[in-house]
Amino acid sequence: MMKKFSFFLFTLNILIPKYKKIALKTGAHLLLFCCFLMIWSSCCKNQEFVRHTIVNTSLSLPKSMVVKKERAEDSQVYSINAGDKRIGYIYYGDYKSFEEDSFFITDDKELYEKYKNRELKAYFSKNTERDSKNGIYNVNYYYYDTINKHRAQVMMPKKMNKGFIGIHFDSVDIHKNKMAIIVNDLSEENKELFFKIFKTIKINSVQH
């Protein structure tokens, strides 16, 4: 039986033109990816979520995650824990919006050579204004979204192993307190999960 199947595959390999083989291969990969998304979506639907309240805001997290209040002076800080692993934080109070200030872009070669390997890293560019405006050297992508009628800045990593997943609200009460969630576990599963969690955030801006 195996010999017959192998002969069938060999014959198919000869008869199908190269461009059709590529199309079939691409189609097979797409089908596998779609199957993965369907399975993952099914798992998410069956996952039990629990609502957590932070002052006048609330959000839903999987039941397996624990929110723990941490020591802080200028704002309220809560850690998000999955099992024994701390995967992120929730900040409430005085917290600045997301920006990347750990590097600068320059067209000065001497300045670039001096700072390229330091903590405040330099990137060399012949068009500093364009590259800065387009965020070419940023670790994360940023965009604005509306979450339950409130504008939020969303942050997502460009690569799997670098950057953060996050959301920031510039004002959540009459005192202009901010709220931010930052996640440092960058698995693909967490990216999808936390984008879903962000959509559950509710703010009662009348209180406090």
N, C-alpha and C. Protein backbone atom coordinates (compact mmCIF):
# COMPACT_ATOMS: atom_id res chain seq x y z
N MET A 1 0.83 -1.20 0.00
CA MET A 1 0.00 0.00 0.00
C MET A 1 0.86 1.26 0.00
N MET A 2 1.90 1.27 0.87
CA MET A 2 2.80 2.42 0.96
C MET A 2 3.55 2.62 -0.34
N LYS A 3 3.94 1.53 -1.00
CA LYS A 3 4.65 1.63 -2.28
C LYS A 3 3.77 2.28 -3.33
N LYS A 4 2.49 1.88 -3.36
CA LYS A 4 1.55 2.45 -4.33
C LYS A 4 1.37 3.95 -4.07
N PHE A 5 1.29 4.32 -2.78
CA PHE A 5 1.11 5.73 -2.44
C PHE A 5 2.34 6.54 -2.83
N SER A 6 3.51 5.99 -2.58
CA SER A 6 4.76 6.68 -2.94
C SER A 6 4.85 6.86 -4.45
N PHE A 7 4.44 5.82 -5.21
CA PHE A 7 4.45 5.91 -6.67
C PHE A 7 3.48 6.98 -7.15
N PHE A 8 2.32 7.08 -6.46
CA PHE A 8 1.32 8.09 -6.80
C PHE A 8 1.89 9.49 -6.62
N LEU A 9 2.58 9.72 -5.47
CA LEU A 9 3.17 11.03 -5.20
C LEU A 9 4.25 11.36 -6.21
N PHE A 10 5.06 10.33 -6.59
CA PHE A 10 6.13 10.53 -7.57
C PHE A 10 5.54 10.92 -8.93
N THR A 11 4.46 10.22 -9.32
CA THR A 11 3.80 10.52 -10.60
C THR A 11 3.19 11.91 -10.57
N LEU A 12 2.56 12.26 -9.44
CA LEU A 12 1.95 13.57 -9.29
C LEU A 12 2.99 14.67 -9.39
N ASN A 13 4.15 14.40 -8.82
CA ASN A 13 5.24 15.36 -8.83
C ASN A 13 5.73 15.64 -10.26
N ILE A 14 5.68 14.64 -11.11
CA ILE A 14 6.13 14.79 -12.50
C ILE A 14 5.07 15.52 -13.33
N LEU A 15 3.81 15.15 -13.11
CA LEU A 15 2.73 15.67 -13.96
C LEU A 15 2.36 17.11 -13.66
N ILE A 16 2.45 17.54 -12.39
CA ILE A 16 2.02 18.89 -12.04
C ILE A 16 3.13 19.88 -12.37
N PRO A 17 2.83 20.92 -13.16
CA PRO A 17 3.82 21.95 -13.49
C PRO A 17 4.32 22.64 -12.22
N LYS A 18 5.51 23.24 -12.32
CA LYS A 18 6.17 23.84 -11.17
C LYS A 18 5.32 24.93 -10.52
N TYR A 19 4.73 25.81 -11.35
CA TYR A 19 3.97 26.91 -10.78
C TYR A 19 2.73 26.42 -10.05
N LYS A 20 2.17 25.29 -10.53
CA LYS A 20 1.00 24.73 -9.85
C LYS A 20 1.40 24.09 -8.53
N LYS A 21 2.61 23.50 -8.50
CA LYS A 21 3.10 22.91 -7.24
C LYS A 21 3.24 23.98 -6.18
N ILE A 22 3.77 25.16 -6.60
CA ILE A 22 3.94 26.27 -5.66
C ILE A 22 2.59 26.72 -5.13
N ALA A 23 1.62 26.81 -6.05
CA ALA A 23 0.27 27.23 -5.66
C ALA A 23 -0.36 26.24 -4.70
N LEU A 24 -0.15 24.93 -4.97
CA LEU A 24 -0.69 23.90 -4.09
C LEU A 24 -0.04 23.95 -2.72
N LYS A 25 1.28 24.16 -2.72
CA LYS A 25 2.02 24.23 -1.46
C LYS A 25 1.55 25.42 -0.64
N THR A 26 1.40 26.58 -1.30
CA THR A 26 0.92 27.79 -0.63
C THR A 26 -0.49 27.57 -0.08
N GLY A 27 -1.33 26.92 -0.90
CA GLY A 27 -2.70 26.64 -0.47
C GLY A 27 -2.74 25.73 0.74
N ALA A 28 -1.83 24.73 0.75
CA ALA A 28 -1.77 23.80 1.88
C ALA A 28 -1.37 24.52 3.16
N HIS A 29 -0.37 25.42 3.04
CA HIS A 29 0.07 26.20 4.21
C HIS A 29 -1.05 27.09 4.72
N LEU A 30 -1.79 27.71 3.78
CA LEU A 30 -2.91 28.58 4.16
C LEU A 30 -3.99 27.79 4.87
N LEU A 31 -4.26 26.58 4.36
CA LEU A 31 -5.28 25.72 4.97
C LEU A 31 -4.89 25.34 6.39
N LEU A 32 -3.60 25.00 6.59
CA LEU A 32 -3.11 24.63 7.92
C LEU A 32 -3.22 25.81 8.88
N PHE A 33 -2.89 27.01 8.36
CA PHE A 33 -2.95 28.21 9.19
C PHE A 33 -4.40 28.50 9.60
N CYS A 34 -5.33 28.35 8.64
CA CYS A 34 -6.75 28.57 8.93
C CYS A 34 -7.26 27.58 9.98
N CYS A 35 -6.80 26.33 9.86
CA CYS A 35 -7.19 25.29 10.84
C CYS A 35 -6.69 25.66 12.23
N PHE A 36 -5.43 26.18 12.28
CA PHE A 36 -4.86 26.60 13.56
C PHE A 36 -5.68 27.72 14.18
N LEU A 37 -6.07 28.71 13.35
CA LEU A 37 -6.86 29.83 13.86
C LEU A 37 -8.21 29.38 14.37
N MET A 38 -8.83 28.41 13.66
CA MET A 38 -10.13 27.90 14.09
C MET A 38 -10.03 27.18 15.43
N ILE A 39 -8.95 26.38 15.59
CA ILE A 39 -8.75 25.65 16.84
C ILE A 39 -8.49 26.62 17.98
N TRP A 40 -7.61 27.63 17.69
CA TRP A 40 -7.28 28.63 18.71
C TRP A 40 -8.51 29.43 19.11
N SER A 41 -9.30 29.81 18.12
CA SER A 41 -10.52 30.58 18.39
C SER A 41 -11.49 29.78 19.24
N SER A 42 -11.58 28.47 18.96
CA SER A 42 -12.46 27.60 19.73
C SER A 42 -12.00 27.51 21.18
N CYS A 43 -10.67 27.44 21.37
CA CYS A 43 -10.11 27.37 22.72
C CYS A 43 -10.41 28.64 23.50
N CYS A 44 -10.29 29.80 22.80
CA CYS A 44 -10.54 31.09 23.45
C CYS A 44 -11.99 31.22 23.88
N LYS A 45 -12.90 30.72 23.04
CA LYS A 45 -14.32 30.82 23.35
C LYS A 45 -14.65 30.01 24.59
N ASN A 46 -13.96 28.88 24.78
CA ASN A 46 -14.23 28.02 25.91
C ASN A 46 -13.49 28.47 27.17
N GLN A 47 -12.57 29.44 27.04
CA GLN A 47 -11.80 29.91 28.17
C GLN A 47 -12.67 30.78 29.06
N GLU A 48 -12.61 30.52 30.37
CA GLU A 48 -13.44 31.28 31.31
C GLU A 48 -12.73 32.57 31.70
N PHE A 49 -13.45 33.69 31.65
CA PHE A 49 -12.88 34.99 31.98
C PHE A 49 -13.48 35.52 33.28
N VAL A 50 -12.66 36.29 34.02
CA VAL A 50 -13.08 36.88 35.29
C VAL A 50 -12.86 38.38 35.21
N ARG A 51 -13.82 39.16 35.74
CA ARG A 51 -13.73 40.62 35.68
C ARG A 51 -12.96 41.15 36.89
N HIS A 52 -12.01 42.06 36.64
CA HIS A 52 -11.21 42.68 37.70
C HIS A 52 -11.46 44.19 37.69
N THR A 53 -11.56 44.79 38.88
CA THR A 53 -11.80 46.22 38.99
C THR A 53 -10.56 46.94 39.53
N ILE A 54 -10.14 47.99 38.82
CA ILE A 54 -9.03 48.83 39.25
C ILE A 54 -9.59 50.25 39.38
N VAL A 55 -9.87 50.68 40.63
CA VAL A 55 -10.48 51.97 40.94
C VAL A 55 -11.79 52.10 40.14
N ASN A 56 -11.86 52.98 39.14
CA ASN A 56 -13.10 53.15 38.37
C ASN A 56 -13.02 52.50 36.99
N THR A 57 -12.06 51.60 36.81
CA THR A 57 -11.93 50.86 35.55
C THR A 57 -12.05 49.37 35.82
N SER A 58 -12.34 48.63 34.77
CA SER A 58 -12.42 47.17 34.92
C SER A 58 -12.04 46.51 33.60
N LEU A 59 -11.62 45.26 33.70
CA LEU A 59 -11.28 44.47 32.52
C LEU A 59 -11.44 43.00 32.84
N SER A 60 -11.58 42.20 31.79
CA SER A 60 -11.73 40.76 31.95
C SER A 60 -10.45 40.04 31.58
N LEU A 61 -10.02 39.13 32.45
CA LEU A 61 -8.82 38.32 32.22
C LEU A 61 -9.19 36.85 32.35
N PRO A 62 -8.42 35.96 31.71
CA PRO A 62 -8.68 34.53 31.89
C PRO A 62 -8.62 34.15 33.37
N LYS A 63 -9.42 33.20 33.77
CA LYS A 63 -9.48 32.78 35.16
C LYS A 63 -8.13 32.28 35.66
N SER A 64 -7.30 31.80 34.74
CA SER A 64 -5.98 31.27 35.11
C SER A 64 -4.99 32.37 35.49
N MET A 65 -5.31 33.63 35.17
CA MET A 65 -4.41 34.74 35.48
C MET A 65 -4.82 35.40 36.80
N VAL A 66 -3.80 35.80 37.57
CA VAL A 66 -4.02 36.42 38.88
C VAL A 66 -3.52 37.85 38.85
N VAL A 67 -4.35 38.79 39.35
CA VAL A 67 -3.96 40.20 39.46
C VAL A 67 -3.60 40.47 40.92
N LYS A 68 -2.38 40.99 41.14
CA LYS A 68 -1.88 41.22 42.49
C LYS A 68 -1.42 42.66 42.64
N LYS A 69 -1.87 43.34 43.70
CA LYS A 69 -1.46 44.72 43.94
C LYS A 69 -0.02 44.75 44.43
N GLU A 70 0.79 45.66 43.83
CA GLU A 70 2.19 45.79 44.18
C GLU A 70 2.43 47.11 44.91
N ARG A 71 3.57 47.20 45.57
CA ARG A 71 3.93 48.44 46.26
C ARG A 71 4.30 49.51 45.24
N ALA A 72 3.77 50.72 45.44
CA ALA A 72 4.06 51.84 44.55
C ALA A 72 3.81 53.14 45.28
N GLU A 73 4.50 54.21 44.88
CA GLU A 73 4.37 55.50 45.57
C GLU A 73 3.48 56.48 44.81
N ASP A 74 3.77 56.72 43.54
CA ASP A 74 3.07 57.77 42.80
C ASP A 74 1.83 57.30 42.06
N SER A 75 1.64 55.99 41.97
CA SER A 75 0.47 55.44 41.27
C SER A 75 0.15 54.06 41.82
N GLN A 76 -0.96 53.53 41.39
CA GLN A 76 -1.31 52.16 41.80
C GLN A 76 -0.80 51.20 40.73
N VAL A 77 -0.15 50.14 41.19
CA VAL A 77 0.46 49.17 40.27
C VAL A 77 -0.02 47.76 40.63
N TYR A 78 -0.44 47.03 39.61
CA TYR A 78 -0.91 45.65 39.78
C TYR A 78 -0.14 44.76 38.81
N SER A 79 0.33 43.63 39.30
CA SER A 79 1.00 42.68 38.40
C SER A 79 -0.01 41.69 37.85
N ILE A 80 0.24 41.23 36.62
CA ILE A 80 -0.58 40.19 35.99
C ILE A 80 0.26 38.92 35.97
N ASN A 81 -0.25 37.88 36.60
CA ASN A 81 0.53 36.65 36.76
C ASN A 81 -0.18 35.47 36.13
N ALA A 82 0.60 34.67 35.39
CA ALA A 82 0.08 33.43 34.81
C ALA A 82 0.89 32.29 35.40
N GLY A 83 0.29 31.57 36.34
CA GLY A 83 1.03 30.53 37.05
C GLY A 83 2.09 31.19 37.92
N ASP A 84 3.34 30.74 37.78
CA ASP A 84 4.44 31.32 38.54
C ASP A 84 5.14 32.44 37.77
N LYS A 85 4.60 32.82 36.63
CA LYS A 85 5.26 33.79 35.77
C LYS A 85 4.53 35.13 35.78
N ARG A 86 5.29 36.20 36.00
CA ARG A 86 4.73 37.55 35.94
C ARG A 86 4.85 38.03 34.50
N ILE A 87 3.72 38.24 33.84
CA ILE A 87 3.76 38.54 32.41
C ILE A 87 3.48 40.00 32.08
N GLY A 88 3.06 40.80 33.07
CA GLY A 88 2.78 42.20 32.77
C GLY A 88 2.31 42.97 33.98
N TYR A 89 1.98 44.25 33.75
CA TYR A 89 1.54 45.14 34.82
C TYR A 89 0.38 46.01 34.38
N ILE A 90 -0.43 46.42 35.35
CA ILE A 90 -1.47 47.42 35.15
C ILE A 90 -1.08 48.63 35.99
N TYR A 91 -1.06 49.81 35.36
CA TYR A 91 -0.70 51.05 36.05
C TYR A 91 -1.90 51.99 36.07
N TYR A 92 -2.14 52.62 37.22
CA TYR A 92 -3.23 53.58 37.35
C TYR A 92 -2.70 54.79 38.09
N GLY A 93 -2.83 55.98 37.47
CA GLY A 93 -2.34 57.20 38.12
C GLY A 93 -1.57 58.05 37.14
N ASP A 94 -0.35 58.42 37.54
CA ASP A 94 0.49 59.28 36.71
C ASP A 94 1.42 58.41 35.86
N TYR A 95 1.01 58.15 34.63
CA TYR A 95 1.82 57.29 33.75
C TYR A 95 1.82 57.89 32.35
N LYS A 96 3.02 58.18 31.84
CA LYS A 96 3.12 58.86 30.54
C LYS A 96 2.72 57.94 29.38
N SER A 97 2.33 58.54 28.29
CA SER A 97 1.96 57.77 27.09
C SER A 97 3.19 57.08 26.52
N PHE A 98 2.96 56.09 25.69
CA PHE A 98 4.06 55.29 25.14
C PHE A 98 4.90 56.10 24.15
N GLU A 99 6.20 56.01 24.30
CA GLU A 99 7.12 56.59 23.32
C GLU A 99 8.46 55.88 23.46
N GLU A 100 9.24 55.94 22.41
CA GLU A 100 10.55 55.30 22.43
C GLU A 100 11.63 56.38 22.44
N ASP A 101 12.33 56.44 23.57
CA ASP A 101 13.36 57.48 23.72
C ASP A 101 14.73 56.89 24.07
N SER A 102 14.93 55.62 23.74
CA SER A 102 16.20 54.96 24.05
C SER A 102 17.18 55.04 22.88
N PHE A 103 16.83 55.79 21.84
CA PHE A 103 17.72 55.93 20.70
C PHE A 103 17.49 57.28 20.03
N PHE A 104 18.41 57.66 19.16
CA PHE A 104 18.21 58.86 18.35
C PHE A 104 18.76 58.60 16.95
N ILE A 105 18.27 59.36 15.99
CA ILE A 105 18.66 59.19 14.59
C ILE A 105 19.50 60.39 14.18
N THR A 106 20.62 60.13 13.54
CA THR A 106 21.52 61.22 13.17
C THR A 106 22.11 61.00 11.78
N ASP A 107 22.47 62.12 11.13
CA ASP A 107 23.19 62.04 9.86
C ASP A 107 24.66 62.43 10.04
N ASP A 108 25.05 62.56 11.31
CA ASP A 108 26.44 62.88 11.66
C ASP A 108 27.20 61.58 11.92
N LYS A 109 28.14 61.22 11.06
CA LYS A 109 28.84 59.94 11.17
C LYS A 109 29.68 59.84 12.44
N GLU A 110 30.27 60.92 12.87
CA GLU A 110 31.07 60.91 14.09
C GLU A 110 30.20 60.65 15.32
N LEU A 111 29.05 61.30 15.37
CA LEU A 111 28.11 61.11 16.47
C LEU A 111 27.56 59.68 16.46
N TYR A 112 27.29 59.17 15.26
CA TYR A 112 26.80 57.80 15.13
C TYR A 112 27.83 56.80 15.66
N GLU A 113 29.09 56.95 15.27
CA GLU A 113 30.16 56.05 15.72
C GLU A 113 30.34 56.10 17.23
N LYS A 114 30.12 57.28 17.81
CA LYS A 114 30.30 57.47 19.24
C LYS A 114 29.21 56.78 20.06
N TYR A 115 27.96 56.80 19.56
CA TYR A 115 26.83 56.31 20.36
C TYR A 115 26.18 55.02 19.86
N LYS A 116 26.64 54.45 18.76
CA LYS A 116 25.90 53.33 18.15
C LYS A 116 25.78 52.09 19.05
N ASN A 117 26.71 51.90 19.97
CA ASN A 117 26.67 50.71 20.82
C ASN A 117 26.40 51.04 22.29
N ARG A 118 25.93 52.24 22.57
CA ARG A 118 25.64 52.64 23.95
C ARG A 118 24.17 52.43 24.28
N GLU A 119 23.85 52.70 25.55
CA GLU A 119 22.46 52.52 26.00
C GLU A 119 21.52 53.44 25.22
N LEU A 120 21.93 54.72 25.08
CA LEU A 120 21.20 55.63 24.21
C LEU A 120 21.78 55.45 22.81
N LYS A 121 21.19 54.51 22.09
CA LYS A 121 21.77 54.08 20.82
C LYS A 121 21.50 55.05 19.68
N ALA A 122 22.48 55.17 18.79
CA ALA A 122 22.33 56.04 17.61
C ALA A 122 22.12 55.21 16.37
N TYR A 123 21.26 55.70 15.47
CA TYR A 123 21.06 55.09 14.15
C TYR A 123 21.43 56.14 13.10
N PHE A 124 22.17 55.68 12.11
CA PHE A 124 22.60 56.61 11.05
C PHE A 124 21.59 56.60 9.92
N SER A 125 21.21 57.81 9.47
CA SER A 125 20.25 57.93 8.38
C SER A 125 20.56 59.18 7.57
N LYS A 126 20.36 59.08 6.27
CA LYS A 126 20.53 60.24 5.40
C LYS A 126 19.26 61.08 5.33
N ASN A 127 18.18 60.53 5.90
CA ASN A 127 16.91 61.27 5.94
C ASN A 127 16.31 61.09 7.34
N THR A 128 16.87 61.80 8.31
CA THR A 128 16.48 61.63 9.71
C THR A 128 15.02 62.01 9.96
N GLU A 129 14.54 63.07 9.31
CA GLU A 129 13.17 63.52 9.53
C GLU A 129 12.15 62.48 9.07
N ARG A 130 12.38 61.90 7.90
CA ARG A 130 11.45 60.89 7.37
C ARG A 130 11.46 59.64 8.25
N ASP A 131 12.69 59.16 8.59
CA ASP A 131 12.79 57.92 9.36
C ASP A 131 12.24 58.09 10.77
N SER A 132 12.42 59.28 11.33
CA SER A 132 11.87 59.54 12.66
C SER A 132 10.34 59.60 12.59
N LYS A 133 9.82 60.26 11.59
CA LYS A 133 8.37 60.40 11.41
C LYS A 133 7.69 59.05 11.19
N ASN A 134 8.33 58.18 10.45
CA ASN A 134 7.74 56.86 10.14
C ASN A 134 8.08 55.78 11.16
N GLY A 135 8.85 56.14 12.19
CA GLY A 135 9.16 55.16 13.23
C GLY A 135 9.95 53.97 12.72
N ILE A 136 10.87 54.22 11.78
CA ILE A 136 11.62 53.14 11.15
C ILE A 136 12.39 52.31 12.17
N TYR A 137 12.98 52.96 13.17
CA TYR A 137 13.83 52.26 14.12
C TYR A 137 13.12 51.93 15.43
N ASN A 138 11.83 52.18 15.50
CA ASN A 138 11.07 51.82 16.70
C ASN A 138 11.02 50.31 16.89
N VAL A 139 10.99 49.89 18.13
CA VAL A 139 10.85 48.46 18.45
C VAL A 139 9.40 48.02 18.31
N ASN A 140 8.47 48.96 18.59
CA ASN A 140 7.04 48.64 18.57
C ASN A 140 6.30 49.42 17.49
N TYR A 141 5.11 48.93 17.14
CA TYR A 141 4.14 49.68 16.35
C TYR A 141 3.19 50.38 17.31
N TYR A 142 2.64 51.53 16.91
CA TYR A 142 1.67 52.25 17.74
C TYR A 142 0.49 52.69 16.88
N TYR A 143 -0.68 52.65 17.47
CA TYR A 143 -1.86 53.19 16.78
C TYR A 143 -2.92 53.53 17.82
N TYR A 144 -3.92 54.31 17.42
CA TYR A 144 -5.02 54.67 18.31
C TYR A 144 -6.24 53.82 18.01
N ASP A 145 -6.95 53.48 19.07
CA ASP A 145 -8.18 52.70 18.93
C ASP A 145 -9.20 53.27 19.91
N THR A 146 -10.47 53.01 19.64
CA THR A 146 -11.54 53.43 20.55
C THR A 146 -12.05 52.21 21.29
N ILE A 147 -11.89 52.23 22.61
CA ILE A 147 -12.31 51.11 23.46
C ILE A 147 -13.49 51.57 24.30
N ASN A 148 -14.66 51.05 24.02
CA ASN A 148 -15.87 51.44 24.75
C ASN A 148 -15.98 52.97 24.90
N LYS A 149 -15.85 53.65 23.76
CA LYS A 149 -16.02 55.11 23.62
C LYS A 149 -14.86 55.92 24.21
N HIS A 150 -13.77 55.27 24.58
CA HIS A 150 -12.60 55.98 25.10
C HIS A 150 -11.40 55.74 24.17
N ARG A 151 -10.69 56.82 23.87
CA ARG A 151 -9.54 56.72 22.97
C ARG A 151 -8.34 56.14 23.71
N ALA A 152 -7.68 55.20 23.07
CA ALA A 152 -6.53 54.54 23.69
C ALA A 152 -5.38 54.42 22.70
N GLN A 153 -4.17 54.48 23.24
CA GLN A 153 -2.99 54.25 22.43
C GLN A 153 -2.59 52.79 22.61
N VAL A 154 -2.50 52.06 21.50
CA VAL A 154 -2.18 50.63 21.54
C VAL A 154 -0.75 50.44 21.05
N MET A 155 -0.04 49.54 21.71
CA MET A 155 1.35 49.25 21.37
C MET A 155 1.50 47.75 21.09
N MET A 156 2.18 47.42 20.02
CA MET A 156 2.44 46.01 19.72
C MET A 156 3.85 45.86 19.17
N PRO A 157 4.52 44.75 19.47
CA PRO A 157 5.91 44.57 19.04
C PRO A 157 6.02 44.27 17.55
N LYS A 158 7.11 44.75 16.95
CA LYS A 158 7.37 44.43 15.55
C LYS A 158 7.88 43.00 15.40
N LYS A 159 8.62 42.53 16.41
CA LYS A 159 9.18 41.18 16.37
C LYS A 159 8.74 40.42 17.62
N MET A 160 8.81 39.11 17.56
CA MET A 160 8.31 38.27 18.65
C MET A 160 9.13 38.44 19.93
N ASN A 161 10.45 38.62 19.82
CA ASN A 161 11.31 38.58 20.99
C ASN A 161 11.77 39.96 21.47
N LYS A 162 11.13 41.03 21.00
CA LYS A 162 11.58 42.37 21.37
C LYS A 162 10.39 43.33 21.40
N GLY A 163 10.34 44.16 22.47
CA GLY A 163 9.26 45.13 22.56
C GLY A 163 8.22 44.74 23.60
N PHE A 164 7.02 45.33 23.48
CA PHE A 164 5.97 45.10 24.46
C PHE A 164 4.59 45.10 23.79
N ILE A 165 3.63 44.49 24.49
CA ILE A 165 2.22 44.60 24.16
C ILE A 165 1.63 45.57 25.17
N GLY A 166 0.85 46.56 24.74
CA GLY A 166 0.34 47.49 25.73
C GLY A 166 -0.81 48.35 25.26
N ILE A 167 -1.44 49.00 26.22
CA ILE A 167 -2.52 49.95 25.94
C ILE A 167 -2.43 51.07 26.97
N HIS A 168 -2.73 52.31 26.54
CA HIS A 168 -2.63 53.47 27.43
C HIS A 168 -3.83 54.39 27.22
N PHE A 169 -4.48 54.75 28.33
CA PHE A 169 -5.57 55.72 28.31
C PHE A 169 -5.06 57.00 28.95
N ASP A 170 -5.20 58.10 28.24
CA ASP A 170 -4.63 59.37 28.70
C ASP A 170 -5.43 60.01 29.84
N SER A 171 -6.70 59.65 29.97
CA SER A 171 -7.52 60.19 31.05
C SER A 171 -8.67 59.24 31.35
N VAL A 172 -8.75 58.78 32.61
CA VAL A 172 -9.80 57.82 32.96
C VAL A 172 -10.74 58.34 34.05
N ASP A 173 -10.49 59.59 34.53
CA ASP A 173 -11.39 60.19 35.52
C ASP A 173 -11.27 61.71 35.47
N ILE A 174 -12.01 62.40 36.32
CA ILE A 174 -12.02 63.86 36.29
C ILE A 174 -10.69 64.46 36.75
N HIS A 175 -9.85 63.65 37.40
CA HIS A 175 -8.54 64.11 37.84
C HIS A 175 -7.44 63.85 36.80
N LYS A 176 -7.85 63.39 35.63
CA LYS A 176 -6.92 63.11 34.52
C LYS A 176 -5.90 62.01 34.85
N ASN A 177 -6.31 61.06 35.71
CA ASN A 177 -5.46 59.91 35.94
C ASN A 177 -5.36 59.07 34.67
N LYS A 178 -4.21 58.44 34.50
CA LYS A 178 -3.98 57.60 33.33
C LYS A 178 -4.11 56.13 33.72
N MET A 179 -4.31 55.30 32.72
CA MET A 179 -4.28 53.85 32.95
C MET A 179 -3.49 53.21 31.81
N ALA A 180 -2.62 52.28 32.18
CA ALA A 180 -1.83 51.58 31.16
C ALA A 180 -1.68 50.11 31.54
N ILE A 181 -1.65 49.28 30.53
CA ILE A 181 -1.34 47.86 30.71
C ILE A 181 -0.14 47.56 29.82
N ILE A 182 0.89 46.95 30.39
CA ILE A 182 2.08 46.59 29.62
C ILE A 182 2.40 45.12 29.86
N VAL A 183 2.51 44.39 28.77
CA VAL A 183 2.78 42.94 28.83
C VAL A 183 4.12 42.67 28.17
N ASN A 184 4.97 41.89 28.87
CA ASN A 184 6.29 41.59 28.32
C ASN A 184 6.45 40.16 27.82
N ASP A 185 5.40 39.36 27.96
CA ASP A 185 5.41 38.00 27.40
C ASP A 185 4.86 38.10 25.98
N LEU A 186 5.74 37.96 24.99
CA LEU A 186 5.39 38.30 23.61
C LEU A 186 5.02 37.10 22.74
N SER A 187 4.51 36.04 23.34
CA SER A 187 4.09 34.89 22.54
C SER A 187 2.94 35.30 21.63
N GLU A 188 2.81 34.64 20.50
CA GLU A 188 1.72 34.94 19.56
C GLU A 188 0.37 34.77 20.23
N GLU A 189 0.28 33.78 21.11
CA GLU A 189 -0.97 33.53 21.83
C GLU A 189 -1.34 34.74 22.70
N ASN A 190 -0.33 35.30 23.39
CA ASN A 190 -0.59 36.46 24.24
C ASN A 190 -0.95 37.70 23.44
N LYS A 191 -0.36 37.87 22.26
CA LYS A 191 -0.72 39.01 21.42
C LYS A 191 -2.21 39.00 21.13
N GLU A 192 -2.69 37.88 20.65
CA GLU A 192 -4.11 37.75 20.31
C GLU A 192 -4.98 37.87 21.56
N LEU A 193 -4.54 37.24 22.66
CA LEU A 193 -5.32 37.24 23.88
C LEU A 193 -5.47 38.64 24.45
N PHE A 194 -4.38 39.41 24.51
CA PHE A 194 -4.46 40.72 25.14
C PHE A 194 -5.17 41.75 24.26
N PHE A 195 -5.13 41.59 22.96
CA PHE A 195 -5.94 42.47 22.11
C PHE A 195 -7.42 42.23 22.40
N LYS A 196 -7.75 40.99 22.71
CA LYS A 196 -9.12 40.66 23.08
C LYS A 196 -9.44 41.23 24.47
N ILE A 197 -8.48 41.12 25.39
CA ILE A 197 -8.66 41.65 26.75
C ILE A 197 -8.84 43.17 26.72
N PHE A 198 -8.05 43.86 25.89
CA PHE A 198 -8.14 45.33 25.80
C PHE A 198 -9.56 45.77 25.44
N LYS A 199 -10.22 44.99 24.60
CA LYS A 199 -11.58 45.34 24.17
C LYS A 199 -12.59 45.24 25.31
N THR A 200 -12.20 44.55 26.41
CA THR A 200 -13.14 44.38 27.53
C THR A 200 -13.02 45.51 28.56
N ILE A 201 -12.05 46.41 28.38
CA ILE A 201 -11.82 47.47 29.35
C ILE A 201 -13.01 48.44 29.38
N LYS A 202 -13.49 48.73 30.58
CA LYS A 202 -14.58 49.68 30.76
C LYS A 202 -14.15 50.75 31.76
N ILE A 203 -14.52 51.99 31.49
CA ILE A 203 -14.12 53.12 32.33
C ILE A 203 -15.36 53.89 32.76
N ASN A 204 -15.51 54.05 34.07
CA ASN A 204 -16.58 54.89 34.61
C ASN A 204 -15.94 56.24 34.94
N SER A 205 -15.88 57.13 33.99
CA SER A 205 -15.15 58.40 34.13
C SER A 205 -15.88 59.40 35.03
N VAL A 206 -17.10 59.09 35.44
CA VAL A 206 -17.87 60.01 36.30
C VAL A 206 -17.35 59.93 37.73
N GLN A 207 -16.89 58.76 38.13
CA GLN A 207 -16.46 58.56 39.51
C GLN A 207 -15.14 59.27 39.81
N HIS A 208 -14.88 59.47 41.06
CA HIS A 208 -13.62 59.99 41.61
C HIS A 208 -13.31 61.36 41.01
